[in-house]
C-alpha cells in the first residue's frame, strides 16, 4: 500500500521571478487605470509648470524648519491671545439663543444701513431732536435693549 503524503513541497521562487510577478501586477493595474493615471500626469505637469510642485517639494524637504517657524508663530502672545479670545467668544455664543443672535445680527445690519444713510445726509441733531426721537417706538425699543444689555454686562463684570 502507498504511503500518505504528509509534506507538500512548494516550488521556491527566485528573487527575479518575484520581481517579474510584481511588475506584471503593476502593469495590469496601470492598464486598468489608464485614464486616471493620464489625469494624474497632466496634473503633475501643470503643478510643475506653475512652480507649485517645486514649492511643495521644498516645503516637504524643509519640513522641520517650516514646522519650527509655524510653532514659533503660534506661540507669539498675540496669536495665543487671539486663540483664547476666539475660544471664549465661541463659549459665549454657545450659551446664547441662536434665534436671538440671528435677530440681533439682522437688526444690526439694518441699523448700519440707516446709520450710513444718516452720515450721507449730514444732518445736525439737536437736543429737541433727541427728545422727539425717544417717542419713536423703534428708537425706544433699541434704547431699552441697550440699557438692559448694559445692565447685564455690568452684572457679569461684578462676578
C-alpha atoms as a PDB file:
ATOM      1  CA  UNK A   1       0.000   0.000   0.000  1.00  0.00           C
ATOM      2  CA  UNK A   2       1.163   3.555  -0.710  1.00  0.00           C
ATOM      3  CA  UNK A   3       2.411   5.880   1.983  1.00  0.00           C
ATOM      4  CA  UNK A   4       0.253   9.001   2.681  1.00  0.00           C
ATOM      5  CA  UNK A   5       1.698  12.342   1.602  1.00  0.00           C
ATOM      6  CA  UNK A   6       2.499  14.325   4.725  1.00  0.00           C
ATOM      7  CA  UNK A   7       4.631  17.106   3.307  1.00  0.00           C
ATOM      8  CA  UNK A   8       3.791  19.378   0.393  1.00  0.00           C
ATOM      9  CA  UNK A   9       6.758  20.942  -1.306  1.00  0.00           C
ATOM     10  CA  UNK A  10       6.075  24.321  -2.892  1.00  0.00           C
ATOM     11  CA  UNK A  11       8.470  25.355  -5.592  1.00  0.00           C
ATOM     12  CA  UNK A  12      10.767  28.101  -4.340  1.00  0.00           C
ATOM     13  CA  UNK A  13      10.633  31.271  -6.408  1.00  0.00           C
ATOM     14  CA  UNK A  14      13.751  33.239  -7.104  1.00  0.00           C
ATOM     15  CA  UNK A  15      14.045  36.959  -6.439  1.00  0.00           C
ATOM     16  CA  UNK A  16      13.883  37.604 -10.181  1.00  0.00           C
ATOM     17  CA  UNK A  17      10.627  35.641 -10.522  1.00  0.00           C
ATOM     18  CA  UNK A  18       9.093  37.597  -7.658  1.00  0.00           C
ATOM     19  CA  UNK A  19      10.114  40.898  -9.284  1.00  0.00           C
ATOM     20  CA  UNK A  20       8.659  39.805 -12.636  1.00  0.00           C
ATOM     21  CA  UNK A  21       5.400  38.803 -10.960  1.00  0.00           C
ATOM     22  CA  UNK A  22       5.272  42.155  -9.162  1.00  0.00           C
ATOM     23  CA  UNK A  23       5.926  44.044 -12.423  1.00  0.00           C
ATOM     24  CA  UNK A  24       3.171  42.099 -14.177  1.00  0.00           C
ATOM     25  CA  UNK A  25       0.722  43.017 -11.418  1.00  0.00           C
ATOM     26  CA  UNK A  26       1.718  46.684 -11.679  1.00  0.00           C
ATOM     27  CA  UNK A  27       1.340  46.661 -15.475  1.00  0.00           C
ATOM     28  CA  UNK A  28      -2.106  45.085 -15.112  1.00  0.00           C
ATOM     29  CA  UNK A  29      -3.128  47.789 -12.641  1.00  0.00           C
ATOM     30  CA  UNK A  30      -1.751  50.501 -14.946  1.00  0.00           C
ATOM     31  CA  UNK A  31      -3.715  49.116 -17.884  1.00  0.00           C
ATOM     32  CA  UNK A  32      -6.929  49.098 -15.829  1.00  0.00           C
ATOM     33  CA  UNK A  33      -6.399  52.695 -14.587  1.00  0.00           C
ATOM     34  CA  UNK A  34      -5.036  54.326 -17.735  1.00  0.00           C
ATOM     35  CA  UNK A  35      -7.379  57.334 -17.782  1.00  0.00           C
ATOM     36  CA  UNK A  36      -6.798  58.166 -14.139  1.00  0.00           C
ATOM     37  CA  UNK A  37      -3.038  57.881 -14.477  1.00  0.00           C
ATOM     38  CA  UNK A  38      -3.062  60.179 -17.522  1.00  0.00           C
ATOM     39  CA  UNK A  39      -5.042  62.725 -15.459  1.00  0.00           C
ATOM     40  CA  UNK A  40      -2.503  62.476 -12.620  1.00  0.00           C
ATOM     41  CA  UNK A  41       0.373  63.009 -15.062  1.00  0.00           C
ATOM     42  CA  UNK A  42      -1.425  66.020 -16.530  1.00  0.00           C
ATOM     43  CA  UNK A  43      -1.965  67.422 -13.009  1.00  0.00           C
ATOM     44  CA  UNK A  44       1.688  66.952 -12.076  1.00  0.00           C
ATOM     45  CA  UNK A  45       2.786  68.638 -15.320  1.00  0.00           C
ATOM     46  CA  UNK A  46       0.557  71.629 -14.536  1.00  0.00           C
ATOM     47  CA  UNK A  47       1.882  71.799 -10.967  1.00  0.00           C
ATOM     48  CA  UNK A  48       5.448  71.571 -12.260  1.00  0.00           C
ATOM     49  CA  UNK A  49       4.980  74.250 -14.928  1.00  0.00           C
ATOM     50  CA  UNK A  50       3.353  76.654 -12.455  1.00  0.00           C
ATOM     51  CA  UNK A  51       6.150  76.141  -9.922  1.00  0.00           C
ATOM     52  CA  UNK A  52       3.787  74.803  -7.259  1.00  0.00           C
ATOM     53  CA  UNK A  53       5.314  71.331  -7.339  1.00  0.00           C
ATOM     54  CA  UNK A  54       8.769  72.758  -6.655  1.00  0.00           C
ATOM     55  CA  UNK A  55       7.410  74.798  -3.770  1.00  0.00           C
ATOM     56  CA  UNK A  56       5.659  71.790  -2.265  1.00  0.00           C
ATOM     57  CA  UNK A  57       8.837  69.720  -2.634  1.00  0.00           C
ATOM     58  CA  UNK A  58      10.798  72.492  -0.937  1.00  0.00           C
ATOM     59  CA  UNK A  59       8.297  72.583   1.926  1.00  0.00           C
ATOM     60  CA  UNK A  60       8.499  68.834   2.361  1.00  0.00           C
ATOM     61  CA  UNK A  61      12.299  68.884   2.313  1.00  0.00           C
ATOM     62  CA  UNK A  62      12.374  71.717   4.853  1.00  0.00           C
ATOM     63  CA  UNK A  63       9.575  70.290   6.982  1.00  0.00           C
ATOM     64  CA  UNK A  64      11.485  70.635  10.251  1.00  0.00           C
ATOM     65  CA  UNK A  65      12.315  74.279   9.616  1.00  0.00           C
ATOM     66  CA  UNK A  66       8.756  75.032   8.460  1.00  0.00           C
ATOM     67  CA  UNK A  67       7.266  73.277  11.489  1.00  0.00           C
ATOM     68  CA  UNK A  68       9.629  75.215  13.759  1.00  0.00           C
ATOM     69  CA  UNK A  69       8.594  78.524  12.210  1.00  0.00           C
ATOM     70  CA  UNK A  70       4.899  77.615  12.446  1.00  0.00           C
ATOM     71  CA  UNK A  71       5.209  76.655  16.112  1.00  0.00           C
ATOM     72  CA  UNK A  72       7.205  79.807  16.816  1.00  0.00           C
ATOM     73  CA  UNK A  73       4.490  81.922  15.191  1.00  0.00           C
ATOM     74  CA  UNK A  74       1.720  80.114  17.075  1.00  0.00           C
ATOM     75  CA  UNK A  75       3.465  80.741  20.391  1.00  0.00           C
ATOM     76  CA  UNK A  76       3.543  84.514  19.913  1.00  0.00           C
ATOM     77  CA  UNK A  77       1.458  86.259  22.604  1.00  0.00           C
ATOM     78  CA  UNK A  78      -0.776  87.940  20.003  1.00  0.00           C
ATOM     79  CA  UNK A  79      -1.684  84.585  18.452  1.00  0.00           C
ATOM     80  CA  UNK A  80      -2.307  82.845  21.773  1.00  0.00           C
ATOM     81  CA  UNK A  81      -4.455  85.818  22.861  1.00  0.00           C
ATOM     82  CA  UNK A  82      -6.424  85.612  19.605  1.00  0.00           C
ATOM     83  CA  UNK A  83      -6.963  81.861  20.056  1.00  0.00           C
ATOM     84  CA  UNK A  84      -8.057  82.356  23.658  1.00  0.00           C
ATOM     85  CA  UNK A  85     -10.423  85.172  22.613  1.00  0.00           C
ATOM     86  CA  UNK A  86     -11.948  83.016  19.868  1.00  0.00           C
ATOM     87  CA  UNK A  87     -12.470  80.157  22.315  1.00  0.00           C
ATOM     88  CA  UNK A  88     -14.092  82.495  24.845  1.00  0.00           C
ATOM     89  CA  UNK A  89     -16.322  84.014  22.147  1.00  0.00           C
ATOM     90  CA  UNK A  90     -17.305  80.547  20.940  1.00  0.00           C
ATOM     91  CA  UNK A  91     -18.156  79.585  24.513  1.00  0.00           C
ATOM     92  CA  UNK A  92     -20.278  82.699  24.957  1.00  0.00           C
ATOM     93  CA  UNK A  93     -22.048  82.131  21.643  1.00  0.00           C
ATOM     94  CA  UNK A  94     -22.793  78.526  22.554  1.00  0.00           C
ATOM     95  CA  UNK A  95     -24.693  79.789  25.622  1.00  0.00           C
ATOM     96  CA  UNK A  96     -26.688  82.307  23.546  1.00  0.00           C
ATOM     97  CA  UNK A  97     -30.049  81.543  21.960  1.00  0.00           C
ATOM     98  CA  UNK A  98     -29.384  81.175  18.187  1.00  0.00           C
ATOM     99  CA  UNK A  99     -32.708  82.797  17.275  1.00  0.00           C
ATOM    100  CA  UNK A 100     -31.814  85.875  19.318  1.00  0.00           C
ATOM    101  CA  UNK A 101     -28.349  86.027  17.756  1.00  0.00           C
ATOM    102  CA  UNK A 102     -29.865  85.816  14.258  1.00  0.00           C
ATOM    103  CA  UNK A 103     -32.409  88.520  15.102  1.00  0.00           C
ATOM    104  CA  UNK A 104     -29.703  90.759  16.572  1.00  0.00           C
ATOM    105  CA  UNK A 105     -27.416  90.322  13.534  1.00  0.00           C
ATOM    106  CA  UNK A 106     -30.282  91.215  11.192  1.00  0.00           C
ATOM    107  CA  UNK A 107     -31.147  94.258  13.288  1.00  0.00           C
ATOM    108  CA  UNK A 108     -27.503  95.306  13.370  1.00  0.00           C
ATOM    109  CA  UNK A 109     -27.300  95.122   9.567  1.00  0.00           C
ATOM    110  CA  UNK A 110     -30.453  97.190   9.250  1.00  0.00           C
ATOM    111  CA  UNK A 111     -29.091  99.705  11.762  1.00  0.00           C
ATOM    112  CA  UNK A 112     -25.818 100.032   9.866  1.00  0.00           C
ATOM    113  CA  UNK A 113     -27.706 100.796   6.648  1.00  0.00           C
ATOM    114  CA  UNK A 114     -29.731 103.533   8.374  1.00  0.00           C
ATOM    115  CA  UNK A 115     -26.587 104.937  10.009  1.00  0.00           C
ATOM    116  CA  UNK A 116     -24.830 105.103   6.629  1.00  0.00           C
ATOM    117  CA  UNK A 117     -27.779 106.989   5.115  1.00  0.00           C
ATOM    118  CA  UNK A 118     -27.699 109.373   8.093  1.00  0.00           C
ATOM    119  CA  UNK A 119     -23.999 110.042   7.537  1.00  0.00           C
ATOM    120  CA  UNK A 120     -24.600 110.766   3.862  1.00  0.00           C
ATOM    121  CA  UNK A 121     -27.389 113.216   4.730  1.00  0.00           C
ATOM    122  CA  UNK A 122     -25.002 115.006   7.128  1.00  0.00           C
ATOM    123  CA  UNK A 123     -27.875 116.420   9.218  1.00  0.00           C
ATOM    124  CA  UNK A 124     -27.232 118.016  12.589  1.00  0.00           C
ATOM    125  CA  UNK A 125     -29.030 116.512  15.580  1.00  0.00           C
ATOM    126  CA  UNK A 126     -30.156 118.825  18.353  1.00  0.00           C
ATOM    127  CA  UNK A 127     -31.432 118.259  21.870  1.00  0.00           C
ATOM    128  CA  UNK A 128     -35.051 118.588  20.763  1.00  0.00           C
ATOM    129  CA  UNK A 129     -34.419 116.017  18.009  1.00  0.00           C
ATOM    130  CA  UNK A 130     -33.212 113.594  20.698  1.00  0.00           C
ATOM    131  CA  UNK A 131     -36.286 114.204  22.843  1.00  0.00           C
ATOM    132  CA  UNK A 132     -38.534 113.683  19.825  1.00  0.00           C
ATOM    133  CA  UNK A 133     -36.635 110.517  18.881  1.00  0.00           C
ATOM    134  CA  UNK A 134     -37.340 108.987  22.296  1.00  0.00           C
ATOM    135  CA  UNK A 135     -41.032 108.905  21.356  1.00  0.00           C
ATOM    136  CA  UNK A 136     -40.251 106.762  18.280  1.00  0.00           C
ATOM    137  CA  UNK A 137     -41.102 103.142  19.260  1.00  0.00           C
ATOM    138  CA  UNK A 138     -38.135 101.709  17.311  1.00  0.00           C
ATOM    139  CA  UNK A 139     -35.630 104.006  18.983  1.00  0.00           C
ATOM    140  CA  UNK A 140     -37.245 103.453  22.376  1.00  0.00           C
ATOM    141  CA  UNK A 141     -37.014  99.666  21.857  1.00  0.00           C
ATOM    142  CA  UNK A 142     -33.329  99.942  20.904  1.00  0.00           C
ATOM    143  CA  UNK A 143     -32.536 102.168  23.887  1.00  0.00           C
ATOM    144  CA  UNK A 144     -34.349  99.761  26.211  1.00  0.00           C
ATOM    145  CA  UNK A 145     -32.425  96.858  24.700  1.00  0.00           C
ATOM    146  CA  UNK A 146     -29.160  98.754  25.101  1.00  0.00           C
ATOM    147  CA  UNK A 147     -29.879  99.665  28.724  1.00  0.00           C
ATOM    148  CA  UNK A 148     -30.750  96.054  29.572  1.00  0.00           C
ATOM    149  CA  UNK A 149     -27.633  94.903  27.734  1.00  0.00           C
ATOM    150  CA  UNK A 150     -25.512  97.327  29.753  1.00  0.00           C
ATOM    151  CA  UNK A 151     -27.186  96.130  32.958  1.00  0.00           C
ATOM    152  CA  UNK A 152     -26.396  92.505  32.107  1.00  0.00           C
ATOM    153  CA  UNK A 153     -22.805  93.361  31.198  1.00  0.00           C
ATOM    154  CA  UNK A 154     -22.408  95.244  34.479  1.00  0.00           C
ATOM    155  CA  UNK A 155     -23.791  92.305  36.445  1.00  0.00           C
ATOM    156  CA  UNK A 156     -21.454  89.965  34.627  1.00  0.00           C
ATOM    157  CA  UNK A 157     -18.450  92.182  35.355  1.00  0.00           C
ATOM    158  CA  UNK A 158     -19.302  92.177  39.055  1.00  0.00           C
ATOM    159  CA  UNK A 159     -18.646  88.409  39.321  1.00  0.00           C
END
